[in-house]
C-alpha atoms as a PDB file:
ATOM      1  CA  UNK A   1     -78.404   7.328  69.038  1.00  0.00           C
ATOM      2  CA  UNK A   2     -74.957   7.403  67.492  1.00  0.00           C
ATOM      3  CA  UNK A   3     -74.946   6.394  63.839  1.00  0.00           C
ATOM      4  CA  UNK A   4     -72.036   4.845  61.965  1.00  0.00           C
ATOM      5  CA  UNK A   5     -71.209   3.948  58.396  1.00  0.00           C
ATOM      6  CA  UNK A   6     -69.016   0.883  57.992  1.00  0.00           C
ATOM      7  CA  UNK A   7     -67.177   0.448  54.695  1.00  0.00           C
ATOM      8  CA  UNK A   8     -65.364  -2.857  54.636  1.00  0.00           C
ATOM      9  CA  UNK A   9     -63.401  -4.625  51.914  1.00  0.00           C
ATOM     10  CA  UNK A  10     -62.893  -8.361  51.816  1.00  0.00           C
ATOM     11  CA  UNK A  11     -59.480  -9.888  51.362  1.00  0.00           C
ATOM     12  CA  UNK A  12     -58.244 -10.369  47.816  1.00  0.00           C
ATOM     13  CA  UNK A  13     -56.683 -13.798  48.293  1.00  0.00           C
ATOM     14  CA  UNK A  14     -58.143 -16.904  46.626  1.00  0.00           C
ATOM     15  CA  UNK A  15     -59.893 -18.009  49.844  1.00  0.00           C
ATOM     16  CA  UNK A  16     -61.637 -14.670  50.419  1.00  0.00           C
ATOM     17  CA  UNK A  17     -64.989 -15.644  48.894  1.00  0.00           C
ATOM     18  CA  UNK A  18     -64.920 -18.986  50.732  1.00  0.00           C
ATOM     19  CA  UNK A  19     -64.402 -17.177  54.065  1.00  0.00           C
ATOM     20  CA  UNK A  20     -67.261 -14.812  53.233  1.00  0.00           C
ATOM     21  CA  UNK A  21     -69.657 -17.607  52.323  1.00  0.00           C
ATOM     22  CA  UNK A  22     -68.743 -19.596  55.452  1.00  0.00           C
ATOM     23  CA  UNK A  23     -69.286 -16.570  57.726  1.00  0.00           C
ATOM     24  CA  UNK A  24     -72.333 -15.219  55.886  1.00  0.00           C
ATOM     25  CA  UNK A  25     -75.136 -17.134  57.676  1.00  0.00           C
ATOM     26  CA  UNK A  26     -73.858 -16.034  61.090  1.00  0.00           C
ATOM     27  CA  UNK A  27     -73.304 -12.477  59.853  1.00  0.00           C
ATOM     28  CA  UNK A  28     -76.849 -12.274  58.449  1.00  0.00           C
ATOM     29  CA  UNK A  29     -78.280 -13.681  61.689  1.00  0.00           C
ATOM     30  CA  UNK A  30     -76.422 -10.915  63.511  1.00  0.00           C
ATOM     31  CA  UNK A  31     -77.866  -8.348  61.108  1.00  0.00           C
ATOM     32  CA  UNK A  32     -81.338  -9.711  61.885  1.00  0.00           C
ATOM     33  CA  UNK A  33     -80.617  -9.227  65.571  1.00  0.00           C
ATOM     34  CA  UNK A  34     -79.436  -5.663  64.909  1.00  0.00           C
ATOM     35  CA  UNK A  35     -82.639  -4.978  62.953  1.00  0.00           C
ATOM     36  CA  UNK A  36     -84.805  -6.439  65.734  1.00  0.00           C
ATOM     37  CA  UNK A  37     -83.089  -4.047  68.167  1.00  0.00           C
ATOM     38  CA  UNK A  38     -83.448  -0.966  65.919  1.00  0.00           C
ATOM     39  CA  UNK A  39     -79.669  -0.828  65.387  1.00  0.00           C
ATOM     40  CA  UNK A  40     -79.617  -1.678  61.670  1.00  0.00           C
ATOM     41  CA  UNK A  41     -80.465   1.141  59.258  1.00  0.00           C
ATOM     42  CA  UNK A  42     -79.216  -0.196  55.928  1.00  0.00           C
ATOM     43  CA  UNK A  43     -76.501  -2.275  54.352  1.00  0.00           C
ATOM     44  CA  UNK A  44     -75.425  -4.614  51.635  1.00  0.00           C
ATOM     45  CA  UNK A  45     -72.597  -6.107  49.650  1.00  0.00           C
ATOM     46  CA  UNK A  46     -70.122  -4.201  47.511  1.00  0.00           C
ATOM     47  CA  UNK A  47     -69.858  -5.952  44.147  1.00  0.00           C
ATOM     48  CA  UNK A  48     -67.091  -6.048  41.561  1.00  0.00           C
ATOM     49  CA  UNK A  49     -67.781  -5.615  37.837  1.00  0.00           C
ATOM     50  CA  UNK A  50     -68.725  -9.282  37.511  1.00  0.00           C
ATOM     51  CA  UNK A  51     -71.199  -9.164  40.411  1.00  0.00           C
ATOM     52  CA  UNK A  52     -68.945 -10.965  42.925  1.00  0.00           C
ATOM     53  CA  UNK A  53     -69.200  -9.791  46.558  1.00  0.00           C
ATOM     54  CA  UNK A  54     -65.982  -8.040  47.572  1.00  0.00           C
ATOM     55  CA  UNK A  55     -67.007  -6.052  50.634  1.00  0.00           C
ATOM     56  CA  UNK A  56     -69.842  -4.480  52.553  1.00  0.00           C
ATOM     57  CA  UNK A  57     -71.395  -1.180  53.546  1.00  0.00           C
ATOM     58  CA  UNK A  58     -73.515  -0.955  56.673  1.00  0.00           C
ATOM     59  CA  UNK A  59     -75.240   1.931  58.401  1.00  0.00           C
ATOM     60  CA  UNK A  60     -75.834   1.093  62.045  1.00  0.00           C
ATOM     61  CA  UNK A  61     -76.845   2.931  65.198  1.00  0.00           C
ATOM     62  CA  UNK A  62     -76.050   2.306  68.828  1.00  0.00           C
ATOM     63  CA  UNK A  63     -76.661   4.157  72.075  1.00  0.00           C
ATOM     64  CA  UNK A  64     -72.932   4.206  72.870  1.00  0.00           C
ATOM     65  CA  UNK A  65     -69.576   3.722  71.215  1.00  0.00           C
ATOM     66  CA  UNK A  66     -69.077   0.769  73.577  1.00  0.00           C
ATOM     67  CA  UNK A  67     -72.159  -0.966  72.109  1.00  0.00           C
ATOM     68  CA  UNK A  68     -70.794  -0.392  68.614  1.00  0.00           C
ATOM     69  CA  UNK A  69     -67.431  -1.818  69.694  1.00  0.00           C
ATOM     70  CA  UNK A  70     -69.145  -4.871  71.193  1.00  0.00           C
ATOM     71  CA  UNK A  71     -70.920  -5.501  67.877  1.00  0.00           C
ATOM     72  CA  UNK A  72     -67.632  -5.019  66.009  1.00  0.00           C
ATOM     73  CA  UNK A  73     -65.813  -7.478  68.255  1.00  0.00           C
ATOM     74  CA  UNK A  74     -68.437 -10.175  67.729  1.00  0.00           C
ATOM     75  CA  UNK A  75     -69.475  -9.899  64.049  1.00  0.00           C
ATOM     76  CA  UNK A  76     -68.471 -13.008  62.091  1.00  0.00           C
ATOM     77  CA  UNK A  77     -67.106 -10.994  59.165  1.00  0.00           C
ATOM     78  CA  UNK A  78     -64.602  -9.548  61.652  1.00  0.00           C
ATOM     79  CA  UNK A  79     -63.902 -12.642  63.735  1.00  0.00           C
ATOM     80  CA  UNK A  80     -63.563 -14.905  60.691  1.00  0.00           C
ATOM     81  CA  UNK A  81     -61.268 -12.482  58.864  1.00  0.00           C
ATOM     82  CA  UNK A  82     -63.623 -11.782  55.941  1.00  0.00           C
ATOM     83  CA  UNK A  83     -63.259  -8.014  56.120  1.00  0.00           C
ATOM     84  CA  UNK A  84     -59.614  -7.029  55.746  1.00  0.00           C
ATOM     85  CA  UNK A  85     -59.887  -3.257  55.339  1.00  0.00           C
ATOM     86  CA  UNK A  86     -62.470  -1.614  57.575  1.00  0.00           C
ATOM     87  CA  UNK A  87     -63.397   2.040  57.855  1.00  0.00           C
ATOM     88  CA  UNK A  88     -65.892   3.185  60.487  1.00  0.00           C
ATOM     89  CA  UNK A  89     -67.086   6.775  60.486  1.00  0.00           C
ATOM     90  CA  UNK A  90     -69.632   8.689  62.500  1.00  0.00           C
ATOM     91  CA  UNK A  91     -72.660   9.243  60.322  1.00  0.00           C
ATOM     92  CA  UNK A  92     -76.006  11.006  60.318  1.00  0.00           C
ATOM     93  CA  UNK A  93     -78.876   9.749  58.209  1.00  0.00           C
ATOM     94  CA  UNK A  94     -80.656  12.630  56.480  1.00  0.00           C
ATOM     95  CA  UNK A  95     -84.284  12.888  57.546  1.00  0.00           C
ATOM     96  CA  UNK A  96     -85.988  14.167  54.434  1.00  0.00           C
END
């Protein structure tokens, strides 16, 4: 399995939190699907100093880069323009 860390920042415009909240149920349903298929390792929201969600970190795994790209192309945080700055890196979870 190829593992990836996704570090994504939401937009900073006034509608950013509204976009996130609108896309969130679909995004979380997708995360459930990833978990059911052993593709979700960990993840959560990045918070600002006041506790407001401003981004996400996810650790995912896929058999191929093409599977990862298919997830990327369909995730609601991508398709609904929630995440504005996205960094995806190859990753290896430490087995300790």
